[in-house]
């Protein structure tokens, strides 16, 4: 059975939820909701066996450890990140980042030379962004290692 065909019945909680569910056909019943696991484009079919883990991403900005992976960030997500982490020169950055359509994947690959080609010519501004990008890279690596550890050792707590 492929990931596209696999559905789970999950309990619906009263009062709503901050979880983002990717529904297959959006079928809902009184107490449960069908959730279809989606496959990332360009990947092979995923086989899940009992006891294997899959990840649910939380959309609350306060739970950064469960937030959407940076590689899946849109241009809008990157602009929100810039506003939070580089507020003093936000307008300068957001103009350059929007013009060059910087997504999360591109953000993680930025360096001083790329920022300069994007029009951020002042060294102090490039260093400010690069420092924040480096911290973001470290957080993502830690997050990936934690997910890998949970999957490898069956630790789902």
C-alpha atoms as a PDB file:
ATOM      1  CA  UNK A   1       0.000   0.000   0.000  1.00  0.00           C
ATOM      2  CA  UNK A   2       1.505   3.364  -0.986  1.00  0.00           C
ATOM      3  CA  UNK A   3       1.442   6.546   1.080  1.00  0.00           C
ATOM      4  CA  UNK A   4      -1.166   8.006  -1.274  1.00  0.00           C
ATOM      5  CA  UNK A   5      -3.540   5.160  -0.497  1.00  0.00           C
ATOM      6  CA  UNK A   6      -2.916   4.994   3.224  1.00  0.00           C
ATOM      7  CA  UNK A   7      -5.529   6.678   5.411  1.00  0.00           C
ATOM      8  CA  UNK A   8      -5.734   7.022   9.175  1.00  0.00           C
ATOM      9  CA  UNK A   9      -8.719   7.719  11.382  1.00  0.00           C
ATOM     10  CA  UNK A  10      -7.724  10.383  13.895  1.00  0.00           C
ATOM     11  CA  UNK A  11      -9.914  11.653  16.728  1.00  0.00           C
ATOM     12  CA  UNK A  12     -11.305  15.148  16.341  1.00  0.00           C
ATOM     13  CA  UNK A  13     -10.725  17.376  19.354  1.00  0.00           C
ATOM     14  CA  UNK A  14     -13.275  19.817  20.658  1.00  0.00           C
ATOM     15  CA  UNK A  15     -12.355  23.480  20.387  1.00  0.00           C
ATOM     16  CA  UNK A  16     -10.366  23.176  17.190  1.00  0.00           C
ATOM     17  CA  UNK A  17      -6.731  22.466  16.643  1.00  0.00           C
ATOM     18  CA  UNK A  18      -3.593  24.189  15.413  1.00  0.00           C
ATOM     19  CA  UNK A  19      -2.615  21.128  13.425  1.00  0.00           C
ATOM     20  CA  UNK A  20      -2.473  21.309   9.656  1.00  0.00           C
ATOM     21  CA  UNK A  21      -3.978  18.176   8.173  1.00  0.00           C
ATOM     22  CA  UNK A  22      -3.590  17.171   4.543  1.00  0.00           C
ATOM     23  CA  UNK A  23      -6.879  15.452   3.790  1.00  0.00           C
ATOM     24  CA  UNK A  24      -7.275  13.028   0.923  1.00  0.00           C
ATOM     25  CA  UNK A  25     -10.900  13.410  -0.059  1.00  0.00           C
ATOM     26  CA  UNK A  26     -11.872  15.515   2.949  1.00  0.00           C
ATOM     27  CA  UNK A  27     -14.294  12.881   4.208  1.00  0.00           C
ATOM     28  CA  UNK A  28     -15.447  13.662   7.720  1.00  0.00           C
ATOM     29  CA  UNK A  29     -17.591  11.805  10.174  1.00  0.00           C
ATOM     30  CA  UNK A  30     -19.059  12.903  13.485  1.00  0.00           C
ATOM     31  CA  UNK A  31     -16.046  11.902  15.595  1.00  0.00           C
ATOM     32  CA  UNK A  32     -13.184  11.187  13.227  1.00  0.00           C
ATOM     33  CA  UNK A  33     -11.528  12.673  10.221  1.00  0.00           C
ATOM     34  CA  UNK A  34      -9.825  10.803   7.390  1.00  0.00           C
ATOM     35  CA  UNK A  35      -6.250  11.935   6.901  1.00  0.00           C
ATOM     36  CA  UNK A  36      -4.357  10.925   3.804  1.00  0.00           C
ATOM     37  CA  UNK A  37      -0.580  10.976   3.929  1.00  0.00           C
ATOM     38  CA  UNK A  38       0.809  12.861   0.955  1.00  0.00           C
ATOM     39  CA  UNK A  39       3.946  12.048  -0.924  1.00  0.00           C
ATOM     40  CA  UNK A  40       6.448  14.770  -1.746  1.00  0.00           C
ATOM     41  CA  UNK A  41       6.777  15.272  -5.527  1.00  0.00           C
ATOM     42  CA  UNK A  42       9.677  13.365  -7.045  1.00  0.00           C
ATOM     43  CA  UNK A  43       9.929  10.772  -4.273  1.00  0.00           C
ATOM     44  CA  UNK A  44       9.213   7.083  -4.397  1.00  0.00           C
ATOM     45  CA  UNK A  45       6.167   5.577  -2.730  1.00  0.00           C
ATOM     46  CA  UNK A  46       6.543   5.290   1.029  1.00  0.00           C
ATOM     47  CA  UNK A  47       5.613   2.083   2.789  1.00  0.00           C
ATOM     48  CA  UNK A  48       4.509   2.441   6.404  1.00  0.00           C
ATOM     49  CA  UNK A  49       4.415  -0.556   8.701  1.00  0.00           C
ATOM     50  CA  UNK A  50       2.871  -0.717  12.176  1.00  0.00           C
ATOM     51  CA  UNK A  51       5.072   1.092  14.677  1.00  0.00           C
ATOM     52  CA  UNK A  52       6.769   3.352  12.118  1.00  0.00           C
ATOM     53  CA  UNK A  53       6.688   7.077  12.729  1.00  0.00           C
ATOM     54  CA  UNK A  54       5.360   9.913  10.659  1.00  0.00           C
ATOM     55  CA  UNK A  55       5.493  13.596  11.532  1.00  0.00           C
ATOM     56  CA  UNK A  56       2.663  16.033  12.205  1.00  0.00           C
ATOM     57  CA  UNK A  57       3.688  19.679  11.870  1.00  0.00           C
ATOM     58  CA  UNK A  58       2.219  22.210  14.251  1.00  0.00           C
ATOM     59  CA  UNK A  59       1.381  25.662  12.882  1.00  0.00           C
ATOM     60  CA  UNK A  60       1.702  27.569  16.140  1.00  0.00           C
ATOM     61  CA  UNK A  61       4.669  29.978  15.931  1.00  0.00           C
ATOM     62  CA  UNK A  62       5.554  29.265  19.565  1.00  0.00           C
ATOM     63  CA  UNK A  63       6.297  25.608  18.902  1.00  0.00           C
ATOM     64  CA  UNK A  64       9.307  26.066  16.623  1.00  0.00           C
ATOM     65  CA  UNK A  65      10.537  22.516  17.155  1.00  0.00           C
ATOM     66  CA  UNK A  66       7.431  21.190  15.390  1.00  0.00           C
ATOM     67  CA  UNK A  67       7.069  23.926  12.781  1.00  0.00           C
ATOM     68  CA  UNK A  68       7.241  23.379   9.044  1.00  0.00           C
ATOM     69  CA  UNK A  69      10.768  22.474   7.896  1.00  0.00           C
ATOM     70  CA  UNK A  70      12.654  25.449   6.465  1.00  0.00           C
ATOM     71  CA  UNK A  71      13.177  23.651   3.147  1.00  0.00           C
ATOM     72  CA  UNK A  72       9.383  23.788   2.688  1.00  0.00           C
ATOM     73  CA  UNK A  73       9.087  27.516   3.431  1.00  0.00           C
ATOM     74  CA  UNK A  74       7.493  29.738   0.814  1.00  0.00           C
ATOM     75  CA  UNK A  75       8.698  33.234  -0.073  1.00  0.00           C
ATOM     76  CA  UNK A  76       6.072  34.552   2.344  1.00  0.00           C
ATOM     77  CA  UNK A  77       7.424  32.352   5.163  1.00  0.00           C
ATOM     78  CA  UNK A  78      10.923  33.711   4.491  1.00  0.00           C
ATOM     79  CA  UNK A  79       9.618  37.298   4.649  1.00  0.00           C
ATOM     80  CA  UNK A  80       7.942  36.554   8.006  1.00  0.00           C
ATOM     81  CA  UNK A  81      11.214  35.102   9.260  1.00  0.00           C
ATOM     82  CA  UNK A  82      13.097  38.207   8.089  1.00  0.00           C
ATOM     83  CA  UNK A  83      10.635  40.478   9.870  1.00  0.00           C
ATOM     84  CA  UNK A  84      11.118  38.582  13.124  1.00  0.00           C
ATOM     85  CA  UNK A  85      14.888  38.054  12.982  1.00  0.00           C
ATOM     86  CA  UNK A  86      16.115  41.132  11.071  1.00  0.00           C
ATOM     87  CA  UNK A  87      13.597  43.851  12.013  1.00  0.00           C
ATOM     88  CA  UNK A  88      15.948  46.860  11.805  1.00  0.00           C
ATOM     89  CA  UNK A  89      16.674  46.486   8.088  1.00  0.00           C
ATOM     90  CA  UNK A  90      13.597  44.487   7.171  1.00  0.00           C
ATOM     91  CA  UNK A  91      12.547  46.648   4.201  1.00  0.00           C
ATOM     92  CA  UNK A  92      15.984  46.383   2.583  1.00  0.00           C
ATOM     93  CA  UNK A  93      16.041  42.623   2.980  1.00  0.00           C
ATOM     94  CA  UNK A  94      12.464  41.917   1.997  1.00  0.00           C
ATOM     95  CA  UNK A  95      12.850  43.891  -1.236  1.00  0.00           C
ATOM     96  CA  UNK A  96      15.928  41.906  -2.284  1.00  0.00           C
ATOM     97  CA  UNK A  97      14.570  38.554  -1.108  1.00  0.00           C
ATOM     98  CA  UNK A  98      11.222  39.080  -2.837  1.00  0.00           C
ATOM     99  CA  UNK A  99      12.865  40.236  -6.072  1.00  0.00           C
ATOM    100  CA  UNK A 100      14.996  37.081  -6.121  1.00  0.00           C
ATOM    101  CA  UNK A 101      12.137  34.785  -5.000  1.00  0.00           C
ATOM    102  CA  UNK A 102      14.050  33.395  -2.007  1.00  0.00           C
ATOM    103  CA  UNK A 103      12.332  30.340  -0.529  1.00  0.00           C
ATOM    104  CA  UNK A 104      13.379  28.411   2.565  1.00  0.00           C
ATOM    105  CA  UNK A 105      15.617  26.070   0.584  1.00  0.00           C
ATOM    106  CA  UNK A 106      17.427  29.044  -1.004  1.00  0.00           C
ATOM    107  CA  UNK A 107      17.623  30.830   2.363  1.00  0.00           C
ATOM    108  CA  UNK A 108      19.591  27.965   3.882  1.00  0.00           C
ATOM    109  CA  UNK A 109      22.100  28.149   0.988  1.00  0.00           C
ATOM    110  CA  UNK A 110      22.772  31.889   1.150  1.00  0.00           C
ATOM    111  CA  UNK A 111      26.285  33.214   1.601  1.00  0.00           C
ATOM    112  CA  UNK A 112      27.908  36.649   1.498  1.00  0.00           C
ATOM    113  CA  UNK A 113      28.613  36.538  -2.225  1.00  0.00           C
ATOM    114  CA  UNK A 114      25.016  35.626  -3.077  1.00  0.00           C
ATOM    115  CA  UNK A 115      23.675  38.387  -0.837  1.00  0.00           C
ATOM    116  CA  UNK A 116      25.977  40.882  -2.549  1.00  0.00           C
ATOM    117  CA  UNK A 117      24.742  39.759  -5.984  1.00  0.00           C
ATOM    118  CA  UNK A 118      21.194  40.217  -4.671  1.00  0.00           C
ATOM    119  CA  UNK A 119      21.975  43.888  -4.042  1.00  0.00           C
ATOM    120  CA  UNK A 120      22.798  43.857  -0.337  1.00  0.00           C
ATOM    121  CA  UNK A 121      26.103  45.678  -0.762  1.00  0.00           C
ATOM    122  CA  UNK A 122      26.730  46.839   2.804  1.00  0.00           C
ATOM    123  CA  UNK A 123      28.906  44.303   4.622  1.00  0.00           C
ATOM    124  CA  UNK A 124      27.231  44.837   8.016  1.00  0.00           C
ATOM    125  CA  UNK A 125      23.809  44.085   6.520  1.00  0.00           C
ATOM    126  CA  UNK A 126      25.088  40.894   4.892  1.00  0.00           C
ATOM    127  CA  UNK A 127      26.678  39.814   8.174  1.00  0.00           C
ATOM    128  CA  UNK A 128      23.420  40.430  10.062  1.00  0.00           C
ATOM    129  CA  UNK A 129      21.481  38.169   7.694  1.00  0.00           C
ATOM    130  CA  UNK A 130      24.209  35.528   7.557  1.00  0.00           C
ATOM    131  CA  UNK A 131      24.365  35.334  11.359  1.00  0.00           C
ATOM    132  CA  UNK A 132      20.615  34.706  11.501  1.00  0.00           C
ATOM    133  CA  UNK A 133      20.812  32.178   8.647  1.00  0.00           C
ATOM    134  CA  UNK A 134      23.585  30.323  10.467  1.00  0.00           C
ATOM    135  CA  UNK A 135      21.464  30.113  13.619  1.00  0.00           C
ATOM    136  CA  UNK A 136      18.561  28.873  11.504  1.00  0.00           C
ATOM    137  CA  UNK A 137      20.784  26.210   9.908  1.00  0.00           C
ATOM    138  CA  UNK A 138      21.873  25.001  13.342  1.00  0.00           C
ATOM    139  CA  UNK A 139      18.257  24.813  14.576  1.00  0.00           C
ATOM    140  CA  UNK A 140      17.267  22.843  11.475  1.00  0.00           C
ATOM    141  CA  UNK A 141      20.178  20.420  11.891  1.00  0.00           C
ATOM    142  CA  UNK A 142      19.258  19.829  15.542  1.00  0.00           C
ATOM    143  CA  UNK A 143      15.624  19.307  14.538  1.00  0.00           C
ATOM    144  CA  UNK A 144      16.595  16.851  11.800  1.00  0.00           C
ATOM    145  CA  UNK A 145      18.831  14.912  14.186  1.00  0.00           C
ATOM    146  CA  UNK A 146      16.021  14.721  16.746  1.00  0.00           C
ATOM    147  CA  UNK A 147      13.600  13.425  14.110  1.00  0.00           C
ATOM    148  CA  UNK A 148      16.177  10.925  12.889  1.00  0.00           C
ATOM    149  CA  UNK A 149      16.834   9.791  16.448  1.00  0.00           C
ATOM    150  CA  UNK A 150      13.123   9.271  17.119  1.00  0.00           C
ATOM    151  CA  UNK A 151      12.667   7.300  13.909  1.00  0.00           C
ATOM    152  CA  UNK A 152      15.824   5.217  14.340  1.00  0.00           C
ATOM    153  CA  UNK A 153      15.316   4.294  17.973  1.00  0.00           C
ATOM    154  CA  UNK A 154      11.537   4.165  18.158  1.00  0.00           C
ATOM    155  CA  UNK A 155      11.428   7.004  20.697  1.00  0.00           C
ATOM    156  CA  UNK A 156       8.119   8.752  20.019  1.00  0.00           C
ATOM    157  CA  UNK A 157       7.947  10.846  23.200  1.00  0.00           C
END
